[in-house]
Amino acid sequence: IMAWYRQAPGKSRELVARIDIDRGAVTHTNYGDSVKGRFTISK
């Protein structure tokens, strides 16, 4: 797994975007609801 999390002041850490990987290949990508359509994760 390769992912980005973030933590705003006074808040808990939350998932921003995540990539699931199997033998070097991306098998799945997902985003937190608040960033969908605006952020893109890639390797």
PDB file of all heavy atoms in Angstrom:
ATOM      1  N   ILE A   1       0.836  -1.193   0.000  1.00  0.00           N
ATOM      2  CA  ILE A   1       0.000   0.000   0.000  1.00  0.00           C
ATOM      3  C   ILE A   1       0.871   1.243   0.000  1.00  0.00           C
ATOM      4  O   ILE A   1       1.865   1.310   0.729  1.00  0.00           O
ATOM      5  CB  ILE A   1      -0.931   0.047   1.230  1.00  0.00           C
ATOM      6  CG1 ILE A   1      -1.872  -1.150   1.250  1.00  0.00           C
ATOM      7  CG2 ILE A   1      -1.720   1.351   1.263  1.00  0.00           C
ATOM      8  CD1 ILE A   1      -2.636  -1.288   2.553  1.00  0.00           C
ATOM      9  N   MET A   2       0.504   2.221  -0.790  1.00  0.00           N
ATOM     10  CA  MET A   2       1.111   3.540  -0.765  1.00  0.00           C
ATOM     11  C   MET A   2      -0.037   4.527  -0.589  1.00  0.00           C
ATOM     12  O   MET A   2      -1.036   4.444  -1.293  1.00  0.00           O
ATOM     13  CB  MET A   2       1.880   3.821  -2.055  1.00  0.00           C
ATOM     14  CG  MET A   2       2.962   2.793  -2.355  1.00  0.00           C
ATOM     15  SD  MET A   2       3.714   2.976  -4.005  1.00  0.00           S
ATOM     16  CE  MET A   2       4.773   4.408  -3.731  1.00  0.00           C
ATOM     17  N   ALA A   3       0.110   5.444   0.343  1.00  0.00           N
ATOM     18  CA  ALA A   3      -1.014   6.314   0.655  1.00  0.00           C
ATOM     19  C   ALA A   3      -0.550   7.671   1.175  1.00  0.00           C
ATOM     20  O   ALA A   3       0.603   7.851   1.580  1.00  0.00           O
ATOM     21  CB  ALA A   3      -1.927   5.651   1.687  1.00  0.00           C
ATOM     22  N   TRP A   4      -1.480   8.593   1.138  1.00  0.00           N
ATOM     23  CA  TRP A   4      -1.306   9.910   1.753  1.00  0.00           C
ATOM     24  C   TRP A   4      -2.372  10.095   2.820  1.00  0.00           C
ATOM     25  O   TRP A   4      -3.552   9.855   2.577  1.00  0.00           O
ATOM     26  CB  TRP A   4      -1.425  11.040   0.730  1.00  0.00           C
ATOM     27  CG  TRP A   4      -0.273  11.146  -0.215  1.00  0.00           C
ATOM     28  CD1 TRP A   4      -0.187  10.649  -1.471  1.00  0.00           C
ATOM     29  CD2 TRP A   4       0.970  11.822   0.040  1.00  0.00           C
ATOM     30  NE1 TRP A   4       1.027  10.959  -2.031  1.00  0.00           N
ATOM     31  CE2 TRP A   4       1.761  11.685  -1.122  1.00  0.00           C
ATOM     32  CE3 TRP A   4       1.481  12.531   1.130  1.00  0.00           C
ATOM     33  CZ2 TRP A   4       3.041  12.219  -1.232  1.00  0.00           C
ATOM     34  CZ3 TRP A   4       2.763  13.063   1.031  1.00  0.00           C
ATOM     35  CH2 TRP A   4       3.526  12.903  -0.136  1.00  0.00           C
ATOM     36  N   TYR A   5      -1.948  10.512   3.979  1.00  0.00           N
ATOM     37  CA  TYR A   5      -2.837  10.914   5.056  1.00  0.00           C
ATOM     38  C   TYR A   5      -2.568  12.377   5.364  1.00  0.00           C
ATOM     39  O   TYR A   5      -1.544  12.935   4.972  1.00  0.00           O
ATOM     40  CB  TYR A   5      -2.595  10.071   6.307  1.00  0.00           C
ATOM     41  CG  TYR A   5      -3.106   8.647   6.229  1.00  0.00           C
ATOM     42  CD1 TYR A   5      -2.424   7.672   5.522  1.00  0.00           C
ATOM     43  CD2 TYR A   5      -4.287   8.286   6.896  1.00  0.00           C
ATOM     44  CE1 TYR A   5      -2.892   6.369   5.457  1.00  0.00           C
ATOM     45  CE2 TYR A   5      -4.760   6.986   6.841  1.00  0.00           C
ATOM     46  CZ  TYR A   5      -4.056   6.036   6.119  1.00  0.00           C
ATOM     47  OH  TYR A   5      -4.527   4.746   6.066  1.00  0.00           O
ATOM     48  N   ARG A   6      -3.497  12.988   6.068  1.00  0.00           N
ATOM     49  CA  ARG A   6      -3.276  14.359   6.500  1.00  0.00           C
ATOM     50  C   ARG A   6      -3.868  14.562   7.883  1.00  0.00           C
ATOM     51  O   ARG A   6      -4.780  13.858   8.300  1.00  0.00           O
ATOM     52  CB  ARG A   6      -3.878  15.356   5.511  1.00  0.00           C
ATOM     53  CG  ARG A   6      -5.399  15.372   5.462  1.00  0.00           C
ATOM     54  CD  ARG A   6      -5.880  16.315   4.379  1.00  0.00           C
ATOM     55  NE  ARG A   6      -7.328  16.397   4.323  1.00  0.00           N
ATOM     56  CZ  ARG A   6      -8.005  17.051   3.388  1.00  0.00           C
ATOM     57  NH1 ARG A   6      -7.348  17.690   2.424  1.00  0.00           N
ATOM     58  NH2 ARG A   6      -9.329  17.077   3.409  1.00  0.00           N
ATOM     59  N   GLN A   7      -3.332  15.552   8.563  1.00  0.00           N
ATOM     60  CA  GLN A   7      -3.823  15.886   9.890  1.00  0.00           C
ATOM     61  C   GLN A   7      -3.887  17.401  10.011  1.00  0.00           C
ATOM     62  O   GLN A   7      -2.856  18.080   9.968  1.00  0.00           O
ATOM     63  CB  GLN A   7      -2.927  15.297  10.979  1.00  0.00           C
ATOM     64  CG  GLN A   7      -3.474  15.471  12.377  1.00  0.00           C
ATOM     65  CD  GLN A   7      -2.748  14.610  13.394  1.00  0.00           C
ATOM     66  OE1 GLN A   7      -1.633  14.149  13.152  1.00  0.00           O
ATOM     67  NE2 GLN A   7      -3.376  14.370  14.529  1.00  0.00           N
ATOM     68  N   ALA A   8      -5.096  17.898  10.150  1.00  0.00           N
ATOM     69  CA  ALA A   8      -5.310  19.322  10.336  1.00  0.00           C
ATOM     70  C   ALA A   8      -5.179  19.666  11.813  1.00  0.00           C
ATOM     71  O   ALA A   8      -5.338  18.798  12.678  1.00  0.00           O
ATOM     72  CB  ALA A   8      -6.686  19.716   9.808  1.00  0.00           C
ATOM     73  N   PRO A   9      -4.906  20.919  12.126  1.00  0.00           N
ATOM     74  CA  PRO A   9      -4.779  21.318  13.529  1.00  0.00           C
ATOM     75  C   PRO A   9      -6.012  20.952  14.345  1.00  0.00           C
ATOM     76  O   PRO A   9      -7.138  21.256  13.948  1.00  0.00           O
ATOM     77  CB  PRO A   9      -4.614  22.837  13.441  1.00  0.00           C
ATOM     78  CG  PRO A   9      -3.988  23.061  12.100  1.00  0.00           C
ATOM     79  CD  PRO A   9      -4.650  22.041  11.213  1.00  0.00           C
ATOM     80  N   GLY A  10      -5.803  20.274  15.450  1.00  0.00           N
ATOM     81  CA  GLY A  10      -6.893  19.899  16.326  1.00  0.00           C
ATOM     82  C   GLY A  10      -7.739  18.736  15.849  1.00  0.00           C
ATOM     83  O   GLY A  10      -8.746  18.416  16.481  1.00  0.00           O
ATOM     84  N   LYS A  11      -7.350  18.101  14.756  1.00  0.00           N
ATOM     85  CA  LYS A  11      -8.116  16.992  14.222  1.00  0.00           C
ATOM     86  C   LYS A  11      -7.267  15.725  14.150  1.00  0.00           C
ATOM     87  O   LYS A  11      -6.044  15.776  14.231  1.00  0.00           O
ATOM     88  CB  LYS A  11      -8.653  17.323  12.835  1.00  0.00           C
ATOM     89  CG  LYS A  11      -9.648  18.473  12.800  1.00  0.00           C
ATOM     90  CD  LYS A  11     -10.200  18.670  11.402  1.00  0.00           C
ATOM     91  CE  LYS A  11     -11.232  19.777  11.373  1.00  0.00           C
ATOM     92  NZ  LYS A  11     -11.781  19.960  10.002  1.00  0.00           N
ATOM     93  N   SER A  12      -7.940  14.601  13.986  1.00  0.00           N
ATOM     94  CA  SER A  12      -7.241  13.333  13.863  1.00  0.00           C
ATOM     95  C   SER A  12      -6.733  13.141  12.435  1.00  0.00           C
ATOM     96  O   SER A  12      -7.188  13.800  11.501  1.00  0.00           O
ATOM     97  CB  SER A  12      -8.162  12.178  14.258  1.00  0.00           C
ATOM     98  OG  SER A  12      -9.301  12.135  13.424  1.00  0.00           O
ATOM     99  N   ARG A  13      -5.808  12.232  12.285  1.00  0.00           N
ATOM    100  CA  ARG A  13      -5.260  11.947  10.972  1.00  0.00           C
ATOM    101  C   ARG A  13      -6.296  11.218  10.120  1.00  0.00           C
ATOM    102  O   ARG A  13      -6.963  10.297  10.589  1.00  0.00           O
ATOM    103  CB  ARG A  13      -3.993  11.108  11.121  1.00  0.00           C
ATOM    104  CG  ARG A  13      -3.184  10.961   9.854  1.00  0.00           C
ATOM    105  CD  ARG A  13      -1.827  10.330  10.150  1.00  0.00           C
ATOM    106  NE  ARG A  13      -1.031  11.160  11.045  1.00  0.00           N
ATOM    107  CZ  ARG A  13       0.219  10.883  11.399  1.00  0.00           C
ATOM    108  NH1 ARG A  13       0.824   9.804  10.932  1.00  0.00           N
ATOM    109  NH2 ARG A  13       0.868  11.687  12.236  1.00  0.00           N
ATOM    110  N   GLU A  14      -6.426  11.631   8.865  1.00  0.00           N
ATOM    111  CA  GLU A  14      -7.411  11.039   7.983  1.00  0.00           C
ATOM    112  C   GLU A  14      -6.777  10.627   6.660  1.00  0.00           C
ATOM    113  O   GLU A  14      -5.791  11.210   6.209  1.00  0.00           O
ATOM    114  CB  GLU A  14      -8.562  12.010   7.715  1.00  0.00           C
ATOM    115  CG  GLU A  14      -8.154  13.260   6.957  1.00  0.00           C
ATOM    116  CD  GLU A  14      -9.330  14.138   6.569  1.00  0.00           C
ATOM    117  OE1 GLU A  14     -10.486  13.658   6.616  1.00  0.00           O
ATOM    118  OE2 GLU A  14      -9.099  15.312   6.226  1.00  0.00           O
ATOM    119  N   LEU A  15      -7.375   9.631   6.038  1.00  0.00           N
ATOM    120  CA  LEU A  15      -6.907   9.155   4.743  1.00  0.00           C
ATOM    121  C   LEU A  15      -7.257  10.157   3.653  1.00  0.00           C
ATOM    122  O   LEU A  15      -8.392  10.613   3.557  1.00  0.00           O
ATOM    123  CB  LEU A  15      -7.531   7.805   4.417  1.00  0.00           C
ATOM    124  CG  LEU A  15      -7.207   7.238   3.032  1.00  0.00           C
ATOM    125  CD1 LEU A  15      -5.733   6.857   2.940  1.00  0.00           C
ATOM    126  CD2 LEU A  15      -8.088   6.026   2.727  1.00  0.00           C
ATOM    127  N   VAL A  16      -6.285  10.477   2.829  1.00  0.00           N
ATOM    128  CA  VAL A  16      -6.492  11.345   1.682  1.00  0.00           C
ATOM    129  C   VAL A  16      -6.641  10.516   0.413  1.00  0.00           C
ATOM    130  O   VAL A  16      -7.593  10.675  -0.351  1.00  0.00           O
ATOM    131  CB  VAL A  16      -5.333  12.343   1.519  1.00  0.00           C
ATOM    132  CG1 VAL A  16      -5.513  13.175   0.255  1.00  0.00           C
ATOM    133  CG2 VAL A  16      -5.230  13.237   2.748  1.00  0.00           C
ATOM    134  N   ALA A  17      -5.694   9.635   0.178  1.00  0.00           N
ATOM    135  CA  ALA A  17      -5.707   8.800  -1.015  1.00  0.00           C
ATOM    136  C   ALA A  17      -4.852   7.572  -0.776  1.00  0.00           C
ATOM    137  O   ALA A  17      -3.885   7.618  -0.014  1.00  0.00           O
ATOM    138  CB  ALA A  17      -5.199   9.570  -2.228  1.00  0.00           C
ATOM    139  N   ARG A  18      -5.206   6.490  -1.454  1.00  0.00           N
ATOM    140  CA  ARG A  18      -4.521   5.226  -1.228  1.00  0.00           C
ATOM    141  C   ARG A  18      -4.415   4.424  -2.516  1.00  0.00           C
ATOM    142  O   ARG A  18      -5.329   4.403  -3.334  1.00  0.00           O
ATOM    143  CB  ARG A  18      -5.276   4.419  -0.169  1.00  0.00           C
ATOM    144  CG  ARG A  18      -4.940   2.942  -0.103  1.00  0.00           C
ATOM    145  CD  ARG A  18      -5.712   2.273   1.002  1.00  0.00           C
ATOM    146  NE  ARG A  18      -5.616   0.827   0.935  1.00  0.00           N
ATOM    147  CZ  ARG A  18      -6.002  -0.001   1.889  1.00  0.00           C
ATOM    148  NH1 ARG A  18      -6.515   0.496   3.016  1.00  0.00           N
ATOM    149  NH2 ARG A  18      -5.881  -1.310   1.730  1.00  0.00           N
ATOM    150  N   ILE A  19      -3.289   3.758  -2.667  1.00  0.00           N
ATOM    151  CA  ILE A  19      -3.054   2.836  -3.774  1.00  0.00           C
ATOM    152  C   ILE A  19      -2.741   1.457  -3.202  1.00  0.00           C
ATOM    153  O   ILE A  19      -1.871   1.324  -2.347  1.00  0.00           O
ATOM    154  CB  ILE A  19      -1.877   3.286  -4.658  1.00  0.00           C
ATOM    155  CG1 ILE A  19      -2.208   4.588  -5.391  1.00  0.00           C
ATOM    156  CG2 ILE A  19      -1.513   2.207  -5.666  1.00  0.00           C
ATOM    157  CD1 ILE A  19      -1.031   5.140  -6.171  1.00  0.00           C
ATOM    158  N   ASP A  20      -3.451   0.452  -3.688  1.00  0.00           N
ATOM    159  CA  ASP A  20      -3.143  -0.928  -3.339  1.00  0.00           C
ATOM    160  C   ASP A  20      -2.264  -1.507  -4.434  1.00  0.00           C
ATOM    161  O   ASP A  20      -2.521  -1.298  -5.622  1.00  0.00           O
ATOM    162  CB  ASP A  20      -4.412  -1.769  -3.197  1.00  0.00           C
ATOM    163  CG  ASP A  20      -5.282  -1.315  -2.044  1.00  0.00           C
ATOM    164  OD1 ASP A  20      -4.731  -0.828  -1.042  1.00  0.00           O
ATOM    165  OD2 ASP A  20      -6.515  -1.447  -2.143  1.00  0.00           O
ATOM    166  N   ILE A  21      -1.236  -2.232  -4.030  1.00  0.00           N
ATOM    167  CA  ILE A  21      -0.236  -2.716  -4.972  1.00  0.00           C
ATOM    168  C   ILE A  21      -0.009  -4.207  -4.809  1.00  0.00           C
ATOM    169  O   ILE A  21       0.064  -4.713  -3.695  1.00  0.00           O
ATOM    170  CB  ILE A  21       1.097  -1.970  -4.774  1.00  0.00           C
ATOM    171  CG1 ILE A  21       0.886  -0.470  -4.990  1.00  0.00           C
ATOM    172  CG2 ILE A  21       2.168  -2.493  -5.719  1.00  0.00           C
ATOM    173  CD1 ILE A  21       2.075   0.373  -4.585  1.00  0.00           C
ATOM    174  N   ASP A  22       0.115  -4.883  -5.919  1.00  0.00           N
ATOM    175  CA  ASP A  22       0.423  -6.310  -5.938  1.00  0.00           C
ATOM    176  C   ASP A  22       1.564  -6.524  -6.920  1.00  0.00           C
ATOM    177  O   ASP A  22       1.401  -6.332  -8.124  1.00  0.00           O
ATOM    178  CB  ASP A  22      -0.793  -7.131  -6.338  1.00  0.00           C
ATOM    179  CG  ASP A  22      -0.523  -8.631  -6.316  1.00  0.00           C
ATOM    180  OD1 ASP A  22       0.480  -9.051  -5.708  1.00  0.00           O
ATOM    181  OD2 ASP A  22      -1.323  -9.381  -6.900  1.00  0.00           O
ATOM    182  N   ARG A  23       2.696  -6.900  -6.389  1.00  0.00           N
ATOM    183  CA  ARG A  23       3.886  -7.148  -7.199  1.00  0.00           C
ATOM    184  C   ARG A  23       4.210  -5.977  -8.129  1.00  0.00           C
ATOM    185  O   ARG A  23       4.514  -6.161  -9.309  1.00  0.00           O
ATOM    186  CB  ARG A  23       3.727  -8.450  -7.987  1.00  0.00           C
ATOM    187  CG  ARG A  23       3.850  -9.694  -7.111  1.00  0.00           C
ATOM    188  CD  ARG A  23       3.415 -10.956  -7.816  1.00  0.00           C
ATOM    189  NE  ARG A  23       1.971 -11.041  -7.951  1.00  0.00           N
ATOM    190  CZ  ARG A  23       1.324 -12.089  -8.456  1.00  0.00           C
ATOM    191  NH1 ARG A  23       2.001 -13.142  -8.878  1.00  0.00           N
ATOM    192  NH2 ARG A  23       0.009 -12.076  -8.533  1.00  0.00           N
ATOM    193  N   GLY A  24       4.141  -4.785  -7.576  1.00  0.00           N
ATOM    194  CA  GLY A  24       4.512  -3.586  -8.300  1.00  0.00           C
ATOM    195  C   GLY A  24       3.420  -2.959  -9.135  1.00  0.00           C
ATOM    196  O   GLY A  24       3.596  -1.842  -9.644  1.00  0.00           O
ATOM    197  N   ALA A  25       2.305  -3.639  -9.285  1.00  0.00           N
ATOM    198  CA  ALA A  25       1.208  -3.136 -10.108  1.00  0.00           C
ATOM    199  C   ALA A  25       0.091  -2.574  -9.246  1.00  0.00           C
ATOM    200  O   ALA A  25      -0.290  -3.174  -8.242  1.00  0.00           O
ATOM    201  CB  ALA A  25       0.676  -4.243 -11.008  1.00  0.00           C
ATOM    202  N   VAL A  26      -0.443  -1.439  -9.645  1.00  0.00           N
ATOM    203  CA  VAL A  26      -1.559  -0.834  -8.939  1.00  0.00           C
ATOM    204  C   VAL A  26      -2.825  -1.627  -9.218  1.00  0.00           C
ATOM    205  O   VAL A  26      -3.219  -1.792 -10.374  1.00  0.00           O
ATOM    206  CB  VAL A  26      -1.763   0.627  -9.359  1.00  0.00           C
ATOM    207  CG1 VAL A  26      -2.989   1.216  -8.669  1.00  0.00           C
ATOM    208  CG2 VAL A  26      -0.528   1.445  -9.032  1.00  0.00           C
ATOM    209  N   THR A  27      -3.462  -2.122  -8.165  1.00  0.00           N
ATOM    210  CA  THR A  27      -4.672  -2.904  -8.311  1.00  0.00           C
ATOM    211  C   THR A  27      -5.927  -2.129  -7.938  1.00  0.00           C
ATOM    212  O   THR A  27      -7.022  -2.473  -8.379  1.00  0.00           O
ATOM    213  CB  THR A  27      -4.608  -4.174  -7.460  1.00  0.00           C
ATOM    214  OG1 THR A  27      -4.461  -3.824  -6.073  1.00  0.00           O
ATOM    215  CG2 THR A  27      -3.423  -5.039  -7.870  1.00  0.00           C
ATOM    216  N   HIS A  28      -5.787  -1.097  -7.130  1.00  0.00           N
ATOM    217  CA  HIS A  28      -6.932  -0.316  -6.708  1.00  0.00           C
ATOM    218  C   HIS A  28      -6.489   1.042  -6.196  1.00  0.00           C
ATOM    219  O   HIS A  28      -5.408   1.169  -5.611  1.00  0.00           O
ATOM    220  CB  HIS A  28      -7.718  -1.055  -5.619  1.00  0.00           C
ATOM    221  CG  HIS A  28      -9.004  -0.406  -5.249  1.00  0.00           C
ATOM    222  ND1 HIS A  28      -9.139   0.381  -4.125  1.00  0.00           N
ATOM    223  CD2 HIS A  28     -10.220  -0.410  -5.851  1.00  0.00           C
ATOM    224  CE1 HIS A  28     -10.371   0.832  -4.054  1.00  0.00           C
ATOM    225  NE2 HIS A  28     -11.053   0.361  -5.090  1.00  0.00           N
ATOM    226  N   THR A  29      -7.333   2.037  -6.419  1.00  0.00           N
ATOM    227  CA  THR A  29      -7.068   3.391  -5.957  1.00  0.00           C
ATOM    228  C   THR A  29      -8.335   3.937  -5.318  1.00  0.00           C
ATOM    229  O   THR A  29      -9.430   3.776  -5.863  1.00  0.00           O
ATOM    230  CB  THR A  29      -6.647   4.311  -7.109  1.00  0.00           C
ATOM    231  OG1 THR A  29      -5.508   3.766  -7.776  1.00  0.00           O
ATOM    232  CG2 THR A  29      -6.298   5.696  -6.582  1.00  0.00           C
ATOM    233  N   ASN A  30      -8.205   4.572  -4.172  1.00  0.00           N
ATOM    234  CA  ASN A  30      -9.369   5.194  -3.561  1.00  0.00           C
ATOM    235  C   ASN A  30      -8.985   6.508  -2.898  1.00  0.00           C
ATOM    236  O   ASN A  30      -7.821   6.736  -2.558  1.00  0.00           O
ATOM    237  CB  ASN A  30     -10.068   4.251  -2.570  1.00  0.00           C
ATOM    238  CG  ASN A  30      -9.216   3.926  -1.352  1.00  0.00           C
ATOM    239  OD1 ASN A  30      -9.163   4.708  -0.397  1.00  0.00           O
ATOM    240  ND2 ASN A  30      -8.555   2.778  -1.385  1.00  0.00           N
ATOM    241  N   TYR A  31      -9.995   7.364  -2.715  1.00  0.00           N
ATOM    242  CA  TYR A  31      -9.790   8.700  -2.168  1.00  0.00           C
ATOM    243  C   TYR A  31     -10.766   8.989  -1.050  1.00  0.00           C
ATOM    244  O   TYR A  31     -11.869   8.442  -1.007  1.00  0.00           O
ATOM    245  CB  TYR A  31      -9.982   9.751  -3.258  1.00  0.00           C
ATOM    246  CG  TYR A  31      -8.997   9.663  -4.391  1.00  0.00           C
ATOM    247  CD1 TYR A  31      -9.256   8.872  -5.506  1.00  0.00           C
ATOM    248  CD2 TYR A  31      -7.809  10.378  -4.349  1.00  0.00           C
ATOM    249  CE1 TYR A  31      -8.353   8.789  -6.545  1.00  0.00           C
ATOM    250  CE2 TYR A  31      -6.901  10.305  -5.386  1.00  0.00           C
ATOM    251  CZ  TYR A  31      -7.178   9.508  -6.481  1.00  0.00           C
ATOM    252  OH  TYR A  31      -6.271   9.431  -7.516  1.00  0.00           O
ATOM    253  N   GLY A  32     -10.352   9.861  -0.161  1.00  0.00           N
ATOM    254  CA  GLY A  32     -11.283  10.348   0.831  1.00  0.00           C
ATOM    255  C   GLY A  32     -12.351  11.188   0.156  1.00  0.00           C
ATOM    256  O   GLY A  32     -12.102  11.828  -0.868  1.00  0.00           O
ATOM    257  N   ASP A  33     -13.541  11.188   0.726  1.00  0.00           N
ATOM    258  CA  ASP A  33     -14.654  11.895   0.102  1.00  0.00           C
ATOM    259  C   ASP A  33     -14.373  13.380  -0.116  1.00  0.00           C
ATOM    260  O   ASP A  33     -14.814  13.963  -1.105  1.00  0.00           O
ATOM    261  CB  ASP A  33     -15.915  11.739   0.959  1.00  0.00           C
ATOM    262  CG  ASP A  33     -16.469  10.333   0.928  1.00  0.00           C
ATOM    263  OD1 ASP A  33     -16.156   9.587  -0.015  1.00  0.00           O
ATOM    264  OD2 ASP A  33     -17.226   9.981   1.854  1.00  0.00           O
ATOM    265  N   SER A  34     -13.659  13.987   0.786  1.00  0.00           N
ATOM    266  CA  SER A  34     -13.429  15.419   0.714  1.00  0.00           C
ATOM    267  C   SER A  34     -12.491  15.849  -0.404  1.00  0.00           C
ATOM    268  O   SER A  34     -12.431  17.032  -0.747  1.00  0.00           O
ATOM    269  CB  SER A  34     -12.891  15.937   2.054  1.00  0.00           C
ATOM    270  OG  SER A  34     -11.631  15.370   2.348  1.00  0.00           O
ATOM    271  N   VAL A  35     -11.755  14.900  -0.991  1.00  0.00           N
ATOM    272  CA  VAL A  35     -10.786  15.257  -2.026  1.00  0.00           C
ATOM    273  C   VAL A  35     -11.100  14.643  -3.378  1.00  0.00           C
ATOM    274  O   VAL A  35     -10.385  14.903  -4.352  1.00  0.00           O
ATOM    275  CB  VAL A  35      -9.348  14.877  -1.611  1.00  0.00           C
ATOM    276  CG1 VAL A  35      -9.004  15.478  -0.256  1.00  0.00           C
ATOM    277  CG2 VAL A  35      -9.166  13.362  -1.591  1.00  0.00           C
ATOM    278  N   LYS A  36     -12.143  13.853  -3.465  1.00  0.00           N
ATOM    279  CA  LYS A  36     -12.501  13.219  -4.728  1.00  0.00           C
ATOM    280  C   LYS A  36     -12.759  14.260  -5.810  1.00  0.00           C
ATOM    281  O   LYS A  36     -13.456  15.237  -5.599  1.00  0.00           O
ATOM    282  CB  LYS A  36     -13.744  12.341  -4.547  1.00  0.00           C
ATOM    283  CG  LYS A  36     -13.503  11.079  -3.751  1.00  0.00           C
ATOM    284  CD  LYS A  36     -14.774  10.256  -3.610  1.00  0.00           C
ATOM    285  CE  LYS A  36     -14.514   8.977  -2.834  1.00  0.00           C
ATOM    286  NZ  LYS A  36     -15.756   8.190  -2.633  1.00  0.00           N
ATOM    287  N   GLY A  37     -12.162  14.026  -6.965  1.00  0.00           N
ATOM    288  CA  GLY A  37     -12.313  14.947  -8.074  1.00  0.00           C
ATOM    289  C   GLY A  37     -11.317  16.082  -8.074  1.00  0.00           C
ATOM    290  O   GLY A  37     -11.220  16.815  -9.063  1.00  0.00           O
ATOM    291  N   ARG A  38     -10.580  16.244  -6.991  1.00  0.00           N
ATOM    292  CA  ARG A  38      -9.608  17.327  -6.892  1.00  0.00           C
ATOM    293  C   ARG A  38      -8.170  16.830  -6.761  1.00  0.00           C
ATOM    294  O   ARG A  38      -7.252  17.475  -7.263  1.00  0.00           O
ATOM    295  CB  ARG A  38      -9.930  18.228  -5.703  1.00  0.00           C
ATOM    296  CG  ARG A  38     -11.293  18.898  -5.790  1.00  0.00           C
ATOM    297  CD  ARG A  38     -11.471  19.935  -4.678  1.00  0.00           C
ATOM    298  NE  ARG A  38     -11.416  19.329  -3.349  1.00  0.00           N
ATOM    299  CZ  ARG A  38     -10.508  19.621  -2.425  1.00  0.00           C
ATOM    300  NH1 ARG A  38      -9.570  20.527  -2.675  1.00  0.00           N
ATOM    301  NH2 ARG A  38     -10.546  19.035  -1.244  1.00  0.00           N
ATOM    302  N   PHE A  39      -7.981  15.712  -6.076  1.00  0.00           N
ATOM    303  CA  PHE A  39      -6.647  15.168  -5.844  1.00  0.00           C
ATOM    304  C   PHE A  39      -6.436  13.909  -6.666  1.00  0.00           C
ATOM    305  O   PHE A  39      -7.378  13.156  -6.933  1.00  0.00           O
ATOM    306  CB  PHE A  39      -6.450  14.817  -4.367  1.00  0.00           C
ATOM    307  CG  PHE A  39      -6.377  15.994  -3.437  1.00  0.00           C
ATOM    308  CD1 PHE A  39      -6.677  17.275  -3.853  1.00  0.00           C
ATOM    309  CD2 PHE A  39      -6.000  15.798  -2.110  1.00  0.00           C
ATOM    310  CE1 PHE A  39      -6.614  18.350  -2.987  1.00  0.00           C
ATOM    311  CE2 PHE A  39      -5.926  16.865  -1.236  1.00  0.00           C
ATOM    312  CZ  PHE A  39      -6.233  18.143  -1.671  1.00  0.00           C
ATOM    313  N   THR A  40      -5.194  13.665  -7.030  1.00  0.00           N
ATOM    314  CA  THR A  40      -4.834  12.458  -7.759  1.00  0.00           C
ATOM    315  C   THR A  40      -3.574  11.854  -7.156  1.00  0.00           C
ATOM    316  O   THR A  40      -2.559  12.543  -7.023  1.00  0.00           O
ATOM    317  CB  THR A  40      -4.593  12.739  -9.245  1.00  0.00           C
ATOM    318  OG1 THR A  40      -5.766  13.307  -9.829  1.00  0.00           O
ATOM    319  CG2 THR A  40      -4.251  11.450  -9.981  1.00  0.00           C
ATOM    320  N   ILE A  41      -3.652  10.587  -6.796  1.00  0.00           N
ATOM    321  CA  ILE A  41      -2.492   9.885  -6.271  1.00  0.00           C
ATOM    322  C   ILE A  41      -1.887   9.041  -7.388  1.00  0.00           C
ATOM    323  O   ILE A  41      -2.604   8.455  -8.199  1.00  0.00           O
ATOM    324  CB  ILE A  41      -2.867   8.999  -5.056  1.00  0.00           C
ATOM    325  CG1 ILE A  41      -1.611   8.397  -4.415  1.00  0.00           C
ATOM    326  CG2 ILE A  41      -3.862   7.917  -5.441  1.00  0.00           C
ATOM    327  CD1 ILE A  41      -1.879   7.677  -3.097  1.00  0.00           C
ATOM    328  N   SER A  42      -0.583   8.986  -7.428  1.00  0.00           N
ATOM    329  CA  SER A  42       0.092   8.203  -8.449  1.00  0.00           C
ATOM    330  C   SER A  42       1.473   7.818  -7.951  1.00  0.00           C
ATOM    331  O   SER A  42       1.991   8.402  -6.997  1.00  0.00           O
ATOM    332  CB  SER A  42       0.192   8.979  -9.761  1.00  0.00           C
ATOM    333  OG  SER A  42       0.980  10.147  -9.603  1.00  0.00           O
ATOM    334  N   LYS A  43       2.053   6.842  -8.596  1.00  0.00           N
ATOM    335  CA  LYS A  43       3.414   6.462  -8.263  1.00  0.00           C
ATOM    336  C   LYS A  43       4.279   6.528  -9.508  1.00  0.00           C
ATOM    337  O   LYS A  43       3.786   6.351 -10.633  1.00  0.00           O
ATOM    338  CB  LYS A  43       3.473   5.067  -7.627  1.00  0.00           C
ATOM    339  CG  LYS A  43       3.213   3.899  -8.550  1.00  0.00           C
ATOM    340  CD  LYS A  43       3.302   2.584  -7.777  1.00  0.00           C
ATOM    341  CE  LYS A  43       3.164   1.374  -8.691  1.00  0.00           C
ATOM    342  NZ  LYS A  43       4.390   1.196  -9.533  1.00  0.00           N
TER     343      LYS A  43
END
